[in-house]
């Protein structure tokens, strides 16, 4: 039954937003107070994730040189599209240097577990409510990736899906891990070039 529900959700929302690199969260920008937002240059705000049983618990930032914090949802096609390359990114680093953590906006913990097993996603994934993700982290569209430095500063906010296998992204992330000094404009330029290349590839016959 759960497999049928998961498949139905995926098919429906693939039709709705499958042509885009990101999915709108359908939230009025003026309707949610932005008490944290995770702005570039600021410390990652305090927020809560959800235990498997649905209890609220403080998110504990791991000790790593670079944290790749990916906010996503099962029903979002671009989110699912970038999962395999995110997994390969996670596999290619020791967690002391770089760690990938997913924050899934999903009410059903068992449905999430089934999805992760099906797509062989083994990097840590926690659930988070929209009530936390939208005002605290400034989520407006899925997926949203936050790059977090070792001292907790937000280095970049990256909206939309990316190919994390891109050599330019790999080189950039290595530089960030080693120096922690790359500007957010340099980071944005590399990731936007990745999205532009993906869009041009999709337009080719």
Protein backbone atom coordinates (compact mmCIF):
# COMPACT_ATOMS: atom_id res chain seq x y z
CA UNK A 1 0.00 0.00 0.00
CA UNK A 2 2.75 2.45 0.93
CA UNK A 3 4.56 1.65 -2.32
CA UNK A 4 1.39 2.47 -4.25
CA UNK A 5 1.00 5.78 -2.40
CA UNK A 6 4.64 6.68 -3.05
CA UNK A 7 4.33 5.85 -6.74
CA UNK A 8 1.11 7.88 -7.08
CA UNK A 9 2.70 10.92 -5.42
CA UNK A 10 5.77 10.70 -7.61
CA UNK A 11 3.79 10.39 -10.85
CA UNK A 12 1.41 13.24 -10.03
CA UNK A 13 4.08 15.72 -9.08
CA UNK A 14 6.42 14.68 -11.85
CA UNK A 15 3.68 15.86 -14.22
CA UNK A 16 3.17 19.11 -12.27
CA UNK A 17 6.78 20.31 -11.97
CA UNK A 18 8.92 17.85 -13.87
CA UNK A 19 9.99 20.41 -16.48
CA UNK A 20 11.66 22.69 -13.94
CA UNK A 21 14.90 22.63 -11.93
CA UNK A 22 12.96 23.53 -8.77
CA UNK A 23 9.47 23.15 -7.32
CA UNK A 24 7.57 26.02 -5.72
CA UNK A 25 6.65 25.48 -2.08
CA UNK A 26 3.33 27.29 -2.77
CA UNK A 27 3.85 29.69 0.12
CA UNK A 28 3.01 33.37 -0.01
CA UNK A 29 6.31 35.14 0.71
CA UNK A 30 4.49 37.60 2.95
CA UNK A 31 2.52 35.03 4.92
CA UNK A 32 5.37 33.44 6.90
CA UNK A 33 7.55 35.46 9.29
CA UNK A 34 11.23 34.94 8.42
CA UNK A 35 12.69 34.60 11.90
CA UNK A 36 15.90 32.90 10.78
CA UNK A 37 16.15 32.56 7.00
CA UNK A 38 19.75 31.25 7.02
CA UNK A 39 21.11 34.31 5.23
CA UNK A 40 24.51 34.20 3.56
CA UNK A 41 27.23 35.34 5.91
CA UNK A 42 25.15 34.67 9.03
CA UNK A 43 25.30 31.69 11.36
CA UNK A 44 22.96 28.81 10.57
CA UNK A 45 19.84 29.51 12.66
CA UNK A 46 18.76 27.21 15.45
CA UNK A 47 15.97 24.92 14.24
CA UNK A 48 14.36 21.59 15.02
CA UNK A 49 14.05 18.39 13.04
CA UNK A 50 11.70 15.47 13.70
CA UNK A 51 12.49 12.09 15.20
CA UNK A 52 11.17 8.94 13.53
CA UNK A 53 8.27 9.05 16.00
CA UNK A 54 7.51 12.69 15.12
CA UNK A 55 8.99 14.34 18.21
CA UNK A 56 10.68 17.70 17.76
CA UNK A 57 14.42 17.65 18.45
CA UNK A 58 17.17 20.28 18.06
CA UNK A 59 19.21 19.91 14.89
CA UNK A 60 22.84 19.28 15.84
CA UNK A 61 25.32 20.58 13.28
CA UNK A 62 28.05 17.99 12.73
CA UNK A 63 31.74 18.83 13.07
CA UNK A 64 32.88 18.97 9.47
CA UNK A 65 34.77 21.44 7.27
CA UNK A 66 31.79 21.78 4.94
CA UNK A 67 28.19 20.82 5.55
CA UNK A 68 25.96 20.38 2.49
CA UNK A 69 22.44 20.77 3.89
CA UNK A 70 19.83 19.77 1.32
CA UNK A 71 16.14 20.55 1.87
CA UNK A 72 13.93 18.44 -0.36
CA UNK A 73 10.66 16.53 -0.71
CA UNK A 74 9.72 13.14 -2.12
CA UNK A 75 7.09 14.64 -4.42
CA UNK A 76 9.60 17.06 -6.04
CA UNK A 77 11.08 15.67 -9.31
CA UNK A 78 14.20 17.91 -9.33
CA UNK A 79 14.88 16.83 -5.73
CA UNK A 80 14.78 13.19 -6.72
CA UNK A 81 16.87 13.85 -9.82
CA UNK A 82 19.84 15.19 -7.86
CA UNK A 83 19.77 12.52 -5.13
CA UNK A 84 22.10 10.01 -6.88
CA UNK A 85 24.83 12.61 -7.49
CA UNK A 86 24.44 13.91 -3.93
CA UNK A 87 24.95 10.35 -2.73
CA UNK A 88 28.11 10.05 -4.82
CA UNK A 89 29.34 13.35 -3.37
CA UNK A 90 28.77 12.05 0.14
CA UNK A 91 30.57 8.80 -0.70
CA UNK A 92 33.61 10.64 -2.06
CA UNK A 93 34.46 12.48 1.18
CA UNK A 94 35.39 11.62 4.71
CA UNK A 95 32.74 13.23 6.92
CA UNK A 96 35.46 15.23 8.69
CA UNK A 97 35.99 17.16 5.44
CA UNK A 98 32.49 17.23 3.95
CA UNK A 99 29.17 15.86 5.06
CA UNK A 100 25.84 15.75 3.23
CA UNK A 101 22.67 15.84 5.33
CA UNK A 102 19.18 15.80 3.85
CA UNK A 103 16.23 17.56 5.47
CA UNK A 104 13.06 16.04 4.03
CA UNK A 105 9.74 17.84 4.27
CA UNK A 106 7.69 14.68 4.72
CA UNK A 107 5.08 13.81 7.37
CA UNK A 108 5.25 10.04 6.90
CA UNK A 109 8.49 8.62 8.32
CA UNK A 110 7.80 5.15 6.91
CA UNK A 111 7.18 6.50 3.42
CA UNK A 112 10.50 8.35 3.63
CA UNK A 113 12.28 5.19 4.80
CA UNK A 114 10.86 3.27 1.84
CA UNK A 115 11.97 5.96 -0.60
CA UNK A 116 15.52 6.01 0.80
CA UNK A 117 15.78 2.23 0.57
CA UNK A 118 14.42 2.15 -2.97
CA UNK A 119 16.89 4.75 -4.24
CA UNK A 120 19.78 3.51 -2.04
CA UNK A 121 20.30 6.84 -0.28
CA UNK A 122 22.56 6.25 2.70
CA UNK A 123 23.72 9.73 3.72
CA UNK A 124 21.88 11.01 6.82
CA UNK A 125 18.35 12.24 6.15
CA UNK A 126 16.19 13.82 8.83
CA UNK A 127 12.63 15.03 8.60
CA UNK A 128 11.71 18.66 9.12
CA UNK A 129 8.33 20.38 9.20
CA UNK A 130 7.42 23.19 6.83
CA UNK A 131 6.77 25.30 9.92
CA UNK A 132 10.50 25.04 10.67
CA UNK A 133 11.90 24.96 7.13
CA UNK A 134 10.08 28.01 5.79
CA UNK A 135 10.55 30.67 8.49
CA UNK A 136 13.79 29.39 10.01
CA UNK A 137 15.68 28.38 6.86
CA UNK A 138 13.88 30.54 4.29
CA UNK A 139 12.62 27.64 2.17
CA UNK A 140 10.67 28.99 -0.81
CA UNK A 141 11.24 26.30 -3.43
CA UNK A 142 12.52 22.74 -3.52
CA UNK A 143 15.27 21.72 -3.44
CA UNK A 144 17.26 24.26 -1.44
CA UNK A 145 20.88 23.55 -0.54
CA UNK A 146 22.78 25.46 2.12
CA UNK A 147 26.58 25.29 2.20
CA UNK A 148 27.72 25.70 5.80
CA UNK A 149 31.32 26.45 6.83
CA UNK A 150 33.11 24.81 9.76
CA UNK A 151 32.28 27.78 12.01
CA UNK A 152 28.55 27.55 11.20
CA UNK A 153 28.40 30.44 8.72
CA UNK A 154 26.13 30.11 5.69
CA UNK A 155 28.44 30.30 2.68
CA UNK A 156 25.73 29.98 0.00
CA UNK A 157 22.02 29.42 -0.59
CA UNK A 158 21.50 27.36 -3.74
CA UNK A 159 17.99 27.02 -5.14
CA UNK A 160 17.15 24.22 -7.54
CA UNK A 161 18.72 20.88 -8.45
CA UNK A 162 22.33 20.41 -9.50
CA UNK A 163 24.57 17.74 -10.97
CA UNK A 164 27.01 17.25 -8.12
CA UNK A 165 29.22 15.15 -10.44
CA UNK A 166 30.12 18.31 -12.41
CA UNK A 167 33.95 18.70 -12.30
CA UNK A 168 33.55 22.46 -11.73
CA UNK A 169 31.42 21.84 -8.64
CA UNK A 170 33.86 19.19 -7.37
CA UNK A 171 36.80 21.58 -7.76
CA UNK A 172 34.91 24.39 -6.04
CA UNK A 173 33.92 22.21 -3.09
CA UNK A 174 37.50 21.05 -2.63
CA UNK A 175 38.59 24.70 -2.50
CA UNK A 176 35.89 25.51 0.04
CA UNK A 177 36.89 22.55 2.22
CA UNK A 178 40.53 23.62 2.13
CA UNK A 179 40.25 27.41 2.44
CA UNK A 180 36.75 28.31 3.76
CA UNK A 181 37.32 31.68 2.04
CA UNK A 182 35.55 31.51 -1.32
CA UNK A 183 32.90 34.20 -1.76
CA UNK A 184 29.25 33.38 -2.26
CA UNK A 185 29.32 35.12 -5.66
CA UNK A 186 32.02 32.69 -6.85
CA UNK A 187 30.02 29.77 -5.51
CA UNK A 188 26.80 31.00 -7.13
CA UNK A 189 28.53 31.46 -10.49
CA UNK A 190 29.69 27.84 -10.62
CA UNK A 191 26.33 26.39 -9.60
CA UNK A 192 24.34 28.62 -11.97
CA UNK A 193 26.62 27.56 -14.82
CA UNK A 194 25.78 23.96 -13.93
CA UNK A 195 22.05 24.69 -14.11
CA UNK A 196 22.44 26.56 -17.40
CA UNK A 197 24.32 23.62 -18.94
CA UNK A 198 21.61 21.23 -17.74
CA UNK A 199 18.87 23.42 -19.22
CA UNK A 200 20.66 23.63 -22.57
CA UNK A 201 21.12 19.87 -22.60
CA UNK A 202 17.40 19.32 -22.06
CA UNK A 203 16.56 21.62 -24.99
CA UNK A 204 18.66 19.61 -27.42
CA UNK A 205 16.64 17.28 -29.70
